């Protein structure tokens, strides 16, 4: 069993970049969480290849990682929808960018 990627690693990086650029960390944190879950999943798969390891332990972690990944991916989809991000470019909407810039400048 493997997790389903609705967002590529490049798309997650784009969301994180937008969040950092406009000081809007929430979508970026969710994207970063997805990247970390993918790293965990890959690591556990490597552990399962070693016959000295207890495979069921790593299978359990992989299974939970798949479930968490799906839920967090759904969350990111919903956040992008609620904030009205451009899904083709994964750019933050202009209104939200302006708001973030105003908050930074103190206007």
N, C-alpha and C. Protein backbone atom coordinates (compact mmCIF):
# COMPACT_ATOMS: atom_id res chain seq x y z
N UNK A 1 0.85 -1.18 0.00
CA UNK A 1 0.00 0.00 0.00
C UNK A 1 0.90 1.24 0.00
N UNK A 2 0.47 2.25 -0.74
CA UNK A 2 1.23 3.49 -0.81
C UNK A 2 0.27 4.66 -0.76
N UNK A 3 0.78 5.79 -0.30
CA UNK A 3 -0.05 6.99 -0.26
C UNK A 3 -0.25 7.52 -1.67
N UNK A 4 -1.33 8.25 -1.87
CA UNK A 4 -1.64 8.87 -3.15
C UNK A 4 -1.18 10.32 -3.12
N UNK A 5 -0.43 10.73 -4.11
CA UNK A 5 0.05 12.11 -4.18
C UNK A 5 -0.87 12.94 -5.05
N UNK A 6 -1.62 13.81 -4.42
CA UNK A 6 -2.41 14.77 -5.18
C UNK A 6 -1.56 15.99 -5.50
N UNK A 7 -0.57 16.26 -4.66
CA UNK A 7 0.37 17.36 -4.86
C UNK A 7 1.76 16.76 -5.06
N UNK A 8 2.44 17.20 -6.11
CA UNK A 8 3.83 16.75 -6.30
C UNK A 8 4.73 17.43 -5.28
N UNK A 9 5.93 16.93 -5.14
CA UNK A 9 6.89 17.58 -4.24
C UNK A 9 7.15 19.01 -4.70
N UNK A 10 7.20 19.23 -6.01
CA UNK A 10 7.42 20.59 -6.54
C UNK A 10 6.25 21.51 -6.20
N UNK A 11 5.04 20.99 -6.24
CA UNK A 11 3.88 21.80 -5.88
C UNK A 11 3.89 22.14 -4.40
N UNK A 12 4.26 21.20 -3.57
CA UNK A 12 4.36 21.48 -2.14
C UNK A 12 5.42 22.56 -1.89
N UNK A 13 6.53 22.47 -2.60
CA UNK A 13 7.59 23.48 -2.46
C UNK A 13 7.07 24.85 -2.88
N UNK A 14 6.24 24.90 -3.91
CA UNK A 14 5.67 26.17 -4.38
C UNK A 14 4.76 26.78 -3.31
N UNK A 15 3.95 25.97 -2.69
CA UNK A 15 3.05 26.45 -1.63
C UNK A 15 3.87 26.98 -0.46
N UNK A 16 4.91 26.26 -0.11
CA UNK A 16 5.78 26.70 0.99
C UNK A 16 6.45 28.02 0.64
N UNK A 17 6.92 28.14 -0.59
CA UNK A 17 7.56 29.38 -1.05
C UNK A 17 6.60 30.56 -0.99
N UNK A 18 5.38 30.36 -1.44
CA UNK A 18 4.37 31.42 -1.39
C UNK A 18 4.11 31.83 0.06
N UNK A 19 4.00 30.84 0.93
CA UNK A 19 3.75 31.13 2.33
C UNK A 19 4.87 31.92 2.97
N UNK A 20 6.09 31.56 2.64
CA UNK A 20 7.24 32.28 3.19
C UNK A 20 7.33 33.70 2.62
N UNK A 21 7.05 33.83 1.34
CA UNK A 21 7.15 35.12 0.68
C UNK A 21 6.16 36.12 1.27
N UNK A 22 4.96 35.65 1.57
CA UNK A 22 3.91 36.56 2.03
C UNK A 22 3.58 36.38 3.51
N UNK A 23 4.46 35.70 4.23
CA UNK A 23 4.31 35.54 5.67
C UNK A 23 2.96 34.95 6.06
N UNK A 24 2.53 33.97 5.30
CA UNK A 24 1.28 33.26 5.58
C UNK A 24 1.65 31.79 5.76
N UNK A 25 1.96 31.44 6.99
CA UNK A 25 2.60 30.15 7.25
C UNK A 25 1.65 28.96 7.29
N UNK A 26 0.37 29.17 7.47
CA UNK A 26 -0.52 28.03 7.69
C UNK A 26 -0.54 27.04 6.52
N UNK A 27 -0.82 27.46 5.28
CA UNK A 27 -0.78 26.48 4.18
C UNK A 27 0.62 25.88 4.01
N UNK A 28 1.65 26.68 4.23
CA UNK A 28 3.02 26.20 4.11
C UNK A 28 3.32 25.12 5.15
N UNK A 29 2.79 25.28 6.36
CA UNK A 29 3.02 24.27 7.40
C UNK A 29 2.34 22.96 7.04
N UNK A 30 1.17 23.03 6.47
CA UNK A 30 0.48 21.81 6.05
C UNK A 30 1.28 21.13 4.93
N UNK A 31 1.76 21.92 3.97
CA UNK A 31 2.57 21.38 2.87
C UNK A 31 3.85 20.74 3.42
N UNK A 32 4.48 21.40 4.38
CA UNK A 32 5.69 20.85 4.99
C UNK A 32 5.38 19.55 5.73
N UNK A 33 4.24 19.49 6.39
CA UNK A 33 3.83 18.26 7.06
C UNK A 33 3.69 17.11 6.08
N UNK A 34 3.14 17.39 4.90
CA UNK A 34 3.02 16.36 3.88
C UNK A 34 4.40 15.88 3.42
N UNK A 35 5.32 16.81 3.25
CA UNK A 35 6.68 16.42 2.85
C UNK A 35 7.32 15.54 3.92
N UNK A 36 7.11 15.87 5.18
CA UNK A 36 7.69 15.08 6.26
C UNK A 36 7.07 13.68 6.33
N UNK A 37 5.77 13.59 6.09
CA UNK A 37 5.13 12.28 6.06
C UNK A 37 5.68 11.42 4.92
N UNK A 38 5.94 12.05 3.79
CA UNK A 38 6.52 11.30 2.66
C UNK A 38 7.92 10.79 3.01
N UNK A 39 8.69 11.61 3.70
CA UNK A 39 10.02 11.18 4.13
C UNK A 39 9.91 10.01 5.11
N UNK A 40 8.97 10.10 6.04
CA UNK A 40 8.76 9.03 7.01
C UNK A 40 8.38 7.73 6.31
N UNK A 41 7.49 7.83 5.34
CA UNK A 41 7.03 6.66 4.59
C UNK A 41 8.21 6.00 3.86
N UNK A 42 9.01 6.82 3.17
CA UNK A 42 10.17 6.27 2.44
C UNK A 42 11.15 5.60 3.40
N UNK A 43 11.38 6.24 4.53
CA UNK A 43 12.30 5.69 5.53
C UNK A 43 11.80 4.33 6.03
N UNK A 44 10.52 4.25 6.33
CA UNK A 44 9.95 3.00 6.84
C UNK A 44 10.01 1.90 5.79
N UNK A 45 9.82 2.26 4.53
CA UNK A 45 9.94 1.27 3.47
C UNK A 45 11.36 0.72 3.39
N UNK A 46 12.34 1.57 3.61
CA UNK A 46 13.73 1.10 3.63
C UNK A 46 13.95 0.16 4.82
N UNK A 47 13.38 0.51 5.95
CA UNK A 47 13.52 -0.36 7.14
C UNK A 47 12.93 -1.74 6.89
N UNK A 48 11.83 -1.80 6.15
CA UNK A 48 11.18 -3.09 5.88
C UNK A 48 12.05 -3.99 5.00
N UNK A 49 12.99 -3.41 4.27
CA UNK A 49 13.87 -4.20 3.40
C UNK A 49 14.94 -4.96 4.18
N UNK A 50 15.18 -4.52 5.41
CA UNK A 50 16.21 -5.17 6.23
C UNK A 50 15.58 -6.34 6.98
N UNK A 51 15.99 -7.56 6.69
CA UNK A 51 15.38 -8.72 7.34
C UNK A 51 15.64 -8.78 8.85
N UNK A 52 16.59 -8.01 9.33
CA UNK A 52 16.86 -7.98 10.78
C UNK A 52 15.81 -7.17 11.54
N UNK A 53 15.06 -6.36 10.83
CA UNK A 53 14.03 -5.53 11.46
C UNK A 53 12.71 -6.29 11.60
N UNK A 54 11.92 -5.87 12.56
CA UNK A 54 10.58 -6.46 12.74
C UNK A 54 9.65 -5.76 11.75
N UNK A 55 9.35 -6.45 10.68
CA UNK A 55 8.60 -5.86 9.58
C UNK A 55 7.25 -5.28 9.99
N UNK A 56 6.56 -5.96 10.90
CA UNK A 56 5.22 -5.50 11.29
C UNK A 56 5.28 -4.11 11.93
N UNK A 57 6.35 -3.78 12.59
CA UNK A 57 6.50 -2.45 13.18
C UNK A 57 6.49 -1.40 12.08
N UNK A 58 7.27 -1.63 11.04
CA UNK A 58 7.39 -0.66 9.96
C UNK A 58 6.15 -0.64 9.08
N UNK A 59 5.50 -1.78 8.94
CA UNK A 59 4.22 -1.83 8.23
C UNK A 59 3.16 -1.00 8.96
N UNK A 60 3.17 -1.08 10.28
CA UNK A 60 2.23 -0.31 11.10
C UNK A 60 2.46 1.18 10.92
N UNK A 61 3.73 1.58 10.95
CA UNK A 61 4.06 2.99 10.77
C UNK A 61 3.67 3.45 9.37
N UNK A 62 3.96 2.64 8.36
CA UNK A 62 3.59 2.99 6.98
C UNK A 62 2.07 3.15 6.84
N UNK A 63 1.33 2.23 7.42
CA UNK A 63 -0.13 2.30 7.34
C UNK A 63 -0.65 3.60 7.96
N UNK A 64 -0.16 3.93 9.14
CA UNK A 64 -0.59 5.17 9.79
C UNK A 64 -0.15 6.39 9.00
N UNK A 65 1.01 6.32 8.40
CA UNK A 65 1.52 7.43 7.58
C UNK A 65 0.62 7.66 6.37
N UNK A 66 0.19 6.58 5.75
CA UNK A 66 -0.72 6.68 4.60
C UNK A 66 -2.02 7.37 5.00
N UNK A 67 -2.56 6.97 6.14
CA UNK A 67 -3.81 7.58 6.61
C UNK A 67 -3.63 9.06 6.93
N UNK A 68 -2.54 9.38 7.61
CA UNK A 68 -2.26 10.77 7.97
C UNK A 68 -2.02 11.61 6.73
N UNK A 69 -1.32 11.05 5.76
CA UNK A 69 -1.04 11.77 4.51
C UNK A 69 -2.35 12.11 3.79
N UNK A 70 -3.23 11.16 3.70
CA UNK A 70 -4.52 11.38 3.03
C UNK A 70 -5.31 12.48 3.73
N UNK A 71 -5.34 12.44 5.04
CA UNK A 71 -6.09 13.43 5.80
C UNK A 71 -5.46 14.82 5.66
N UNK A 72 -4.15 14.90 5.73
CA UNK A 72 -3.48 16.19 5.62
C UNK A 72 -3.58 16.74 4.20
N UNK A 73 -3.55 15.85 3.22
CA UNK A 73 -3.71 16.30 1.83
C UNK A 73 -5.11 16.86 1.62
N UNK A 74 -6.13 16.21 2.19
CA UNK A 74 -7.49 16.74 2.12
C UNK A 74 -7.56 18.11 2.79
N UNK A 75 -6.87 18.25 3.91
CA UNK A 75 -6.83 19.53 4.63
C UNK A 75 -6.23 20.62 3.74
N UNK A 76 -5.11 20.31 3.09
CA UNK A 76 -4.47 21.30 2.22
C UNK A 76 -5.38 21.69 1.07
N UNK A 77 -6.05 20.73 0.49
CA UNK A 77 -7.01 21.03 -0.57
C UNK A 77 -8.08 21.99 -0.08
N UNK A 78 -8.61 21.73 1.08
CA UNK A 78 -9.67 22.57 1.65
C UNK A 78 -9.15 23.98 1.96
N UNK A 79 -7.95 24.08 2.54
CA UNK A 79 -7.37 25.39 2.86
C UNK A 79 -7.17 26.20 1.58
N UNK A 80 -6.61 25.57 0.55
CA UNK A 80 -6.40 26.29 -0.71
C UNK A 80 -7.73 26.74 -1.32
N UNK A 81 -8.74 25.91 -1.17
CA UNK A 81 -10.07 26.25 -1.66
C UNK A 81 -10.65 27.42 -0.85
N UNK A 82 -10.57 27.34 0.46
CA UNK A 82 -11.12 28.39 1.32
C UNK A 82 -10.42 29.74 1.10
N UNK A 83 -9.10 29.69 0.91
CA UNK A 83 -8.34 30.93 0.70
C UNK A 83 -8.33 31.36 -0.77
N UNK A 84 -8.90 30.54 -1.63
CA UNK A 84 -9.04 30.81 -3.07
C UNK A 84 -7.70 30.97 -3.78
N UNK A 85 -6.79 30.04 -3.49
CA UNK A 85 -5.52 30.01 -4.21
C UNK A 85 -5.78 29.63 -5.67
N UNK A 86 -4.91 30.08 -6.56
CA UNK A 86 -4.96 29.68 -7.96
C UNK A 86 -4.42 28.25 -8.04
N UNK A 87 -5.28 27.31 -8.37
CA UNK A 87 -4.87 25.91 -8.35
C UNK A 87 -3.94 25.56 -9.51
N UNK A 88 -3.98 26.33 -10.60
CA UNK A 88 -3.09 26.04 -11.72
C UNK A 88 -1.65 26.44 -11.41
N UNK A 89 -1.49 27.58 -10.75
CA UNK A 89 -0.14 28.11 -10.47
C UNK A 89 0.28 27.92 -9.01
N UNK A 90 -0.69 27.59 -8.17
CA UNK A 90 -0.50 27.49 -6.72
C UNK A 90 0.04 28.80 -6.15
N UNK A 91 -0.52 29.89 -6.65
CA UNK A 91 -0.20 31.21 -6.11
C UNK A 91 -1.30 31.64 -5.16
N UNK A 92 -0.87 32.30 -4.11
CA UNK A 92 -1.80 32.86 -3.14
C UNK A 92 -2.63 33.94 -3.83
N UNK A 93 -3.91 34.07 -3.51
CA UNK A 93 -4.72 35.09 -4.16
C UNK A 93 -4.21 36.49 -3.84
N UNK A 94 -4.37 37.39 -4.80
CA UNK A 94 -3.85 38.75 -4.67
C UNK A 94 -4.37 39.43 -3.41
N UNK A 95 -5.63 39.26 -3.10
CA UNK A 95 -6.21 39.90 -1.91
C UNK A 95 -5.54 39.45 -0.63
N UNK A 96 -5.20 38.19 -0.55
CA UNK A 96 -4.54 37.67 0.64
C UNK A 96 -3.09 38.14 0.68
N UNK A 97 -2.44 38.22 -0.48
CA UNK A 97 -1.06 38.74 -0.53
C UNK A 97 -1.03 40.19 -0.07
N UNK A 98 -1.98 40.99 -0.54
CA UNK A 98 -2.04 42.40 -0.15
C UNK A 98 -2.27 42.51 1.35
N UNK A 99 -3.18 41.71 1.88
CA UNK A 99 -3.46 41.74 3.32
C UNK A 99 -2.21 41.42 4.13
N UNK A 100 -1.50 40.40 3.72
CA UNK A 100 -0.30 40.01 4.43
C UNK A 100 0.75 41.12 4.37
N UNK A 101 0.90 41.75 3.20
CA UNK A 101 1.88 42.83 3.06
C UNK A 101 1.50 44.03 3.92
N UNK A 102 0.21 44.34 4.00
CA UNK A 102 -0.27 45.44 4.85
C UNK A 102 0.03 45.16 6.31
N UNK A 103 -0.20 43.94 6.74
CA UNK A 103 0.06 43.58 8.14
C UNK A 103 1.55 43.70 8.45
N UNK A 104 2.38 43.37 7.49
CA UNK A 104 3.82 43.47 7.69
C UNK A 104 4.28 44.93 7.79
N UNK A 105 3.66 45.78 6.98
CA UNK A 105 4.07 47.19 6.96
C UNK A 105 3.41 48.01 8.05
N UNK A 106 2.40 47.45 8.71
CA UNK A 106 1.73 48.14 9.80
C UNK A 106 0.64 49.10 9.34
N UNK A 107 0.26 49.03 8.07
CA UNK A 107 -0.81 49.91 7.55
C UNK A 107 -2.17 49.43 7.96
